[in-house]
Amino acid sequence: HFEFVGGSSRKFWEIALSGDSITVRFGRIGTNGQSQKKVFADAATAARTAARLIREKTGKGYQEKPV
């Protein structure tokens, strides 16, 4: 679970890795947000993609928060 609070923005972003798929949930803090699921060719590709997405979000200022 990652959150970004800055200016008028109050957003969250979550990622869940399950085998060869990734589920991402995102939106404004305090809402259910929306969810997207992507299936990859194999679990290794899904894991690499999840790690890349986490690096991108933390690079944009998102901070990991306990759920």
C-alpha atoms as a PDB file:
ATOM      1  CA  HIS A   1       0.000   0.000   0.000  1.00  0.00           C
ATOM      2  CA  PHE A   2       1.488   3.320  -1.097  1.00  0.00           C
ATOM      3  CA  GLU A   3       0.161   6.836  -0.586  1.00  0.00           C
ATOM      4  CA  PHE A   4       0.889  10.214  -2.134  1.00  0.00           C
ATOM      5  CA  VAL A   5      -0.158  13.377  -0.335  1.00  0.00           C
ATOM      6  CA  GLY A   6       0.945  16.661  -1.854  1.00  0.00           C
ATOM      7  CA  GLY A   7      -0.812  19.881  -2.732  1.00  0.00           C
ATOM      8  CA  SER A   8      -4.430  18.956  -3.398  1.00  0.00           C
ATOM      9  CA  SER A   9      -3.557  15.305  -4.172  1.00  0.00           C
ATOM     10  CA  ARG A  10      -4.400  12.518  -1.710  1.00  0.00           C
ATOM     11  CA  LYS A  11      -3.974   9.255  -3.628  1.00  0.00           C
ATOM     12  CA  PHE A  12      -3.281   5.608  -2.871  1.00  0.00           C
ATOM     13  CA  TRP A  13      -1.859   2.777  -4.948  1.00  0.00           C
ATOM     14  CA  GLU A  14      -1.704  -0.928  -4.083  1.00  0.00           C
ATOM     15  CA  ILE A  15      -0.201  -3.874  -5.911  1.00  0.00           C
ATOM     16  CA  ALA A  16      -0.745  -7.604  -5.370  1.00  0.00           C
ATOM     17  CA  LEU A  17       1.344 -10.272  -7.092  1.00  0.00           C
ATOM     18  CA  SER A  18      -0.217 -13.721  -7.512  1.00  0.00           C
ATOM     19  CA  GLY A  19       1.665 -16.200  -9.676  1.00  0.00           C
ATOM     20  CA  ASP A  20       1.647 -14.877 -13.242  1.00  0.00           C
ATOM     21  CA  SER A  21      -0.732 -11.966 -12.562  1.00  0.00           C
ATOM     22  CA  ILE A  22      -0.652  -8.530 -10.968  1.00  0.00           C
ATOM     23  CA  THR A  23      -3.654  -6.696  -9.524  1.00  0.00           C
ATOM     24  CA  VAL A  24      -3.320  -2.944  -9.037  1.00  0.00           C
ATOM     25  CA  ARG A  25      -5.820  -0.851  -7.077  1.00  0.00           C
ATOM     26  CA  PHE A  26      -5.645   2.934  -7.025  1.00  0.00           C
ATOM     27  CA  GLY A  27      -7.658   6.047  -6.334  1.00  0.00           C
ATOM     28  CA  ARG A  28      -8.273   8.843  -3.870  1.00  0.00           C
ATOM     29  CA  ILE A  29      -7.619   8.096  -0.207  1.00  0.00           C
ATOM     30  CA  GLY A  30     -10.938   7.319   1.485  1.00  0.00           C
ATOM     31  CA  THR A  31     -12.518   5.704  -1.598  1.00  0.00           C
ATOM     32  CA  ASN A  32     -12.499   2.139  -2.892  1.00  0.00           C
ATOM     33  CA  GLY A  33     -10.749   3.305  -6.049  1.00  0.00           C
ATOM     34  CA  GLN A  34     -10.554   1.127  -9.102  1.00  0.00           C
ATOM     35  CA  SER A  35      -8.802  -2.135  -9.824  1.00  0.00           C
ATOM     36  CA  GLN A  36      -6.939  -3.521 -12.841  1.00  0.00           C
ATOM     37  CA  LYS A  37      -5.615  -7.049 -13.334  1.00  0.00           C
ATOM     38  CA  LYS A  38      -2.902  -8.004 -15.812  1.00  0.00           C
ATOM     39  CA  VAL A  39      -1.806 -11.540 -16.659  1.00  0.00           C
ATOM     40  CA  PHE A  40       1.750 -12.190 -17.881  1.00  0.00           C
ATOM     41  CA  ALA A  41       3.471 -15.061 -19.678  1.00  0.00           C
ATOM     42  CA  ASP A  42       5.053 -16.345 -16.463  1.00  0.00           C
ATOM     43  CA  ALA A  43       5.544 -15.550 -12.774  1.00  0.00           C
ATOM     44  CA  ALA A  44       9.065 -14.144 -13.300  1.00  0.00           C
ATOM     45  CA  THR A  45       7.787 -11.541 -15.767  1.00  0.00           C
ATOM     46  CA  ALA A  46       4.989 -10.582 -13.384  1.00  0.00           C
ATOM     47  CA  ALA A  47       7.471 -10.184 -10.504  1.00  0.00           C
ATOM     48  CA  ARG A  48       9.825  -8.021 -12.597  1.00  0.00           C
ATOM     49  CA  THR A  49       6.915  -5.844 -13.688  1.00  0.00           C
ATOM     50  CA  ALA A  50       5.684  -5.432 -10.108  1.00  0.00           C
ATOM     51  CA  ALA A  51       9.162  -4.382  -8.959  1.00  0.00           C
ATOM     52  CA  ARG A  52       9.405  -1.865 -11.819  1.00  0.00           C
ATOM     53  CA  LEU A  53       5.989  -0.375 -11.008  1.00  0.00           C
ATOM     54  CA  ILE A  54       6.927   0.002  -7.329  1.00  0.00           C
ATOM     55  CA  ARG A  55      10.164   1.805  -8.313  1.00  0.00           C
ATOM     56  CA  GLU A  56       8.187   4.132 -10.592  1.00  0.00           C
ATOM     57  CA  LYS A  57       5.655   5.006  -7.873  1.00  0.00           C
ATOM     58  CA  THR A  58       8.265   5.623  -5.173  1.00  0.00           C
ATOM     59  CA  GLY A  59      10.180   7.761  -7.673  1.00  0.00           C
ATOM     60  CA  LYS A  60       7.058   9.894  -8.098  1.00  0.00           C
ATOM     61  CA  GLY A  61       6.832  10.507  -4.350  1.00  0.00           C
ATOM     62  CA  TYR A  62       4.547   7.691  -3.187  1.00  0.00           C
ATOM     63  CA  GLN A  63       5.454   6.371   0.268  1.00  0.00           C
ATOM     64  CA  GLU A  64       4.787   2.870   1.530  1.00  0.00           C
ATOM     65  CA  LYS A  65       2.280   2.783   4.391  1.00  0.00           C
ATOM     66  CA  PRO A  66       1.068  -0.089   6.588  1.00  0.00           C
ATOM     67  CA  VAL A  67      -2.429  -1.255   5.697  1.00  0.00           C
END
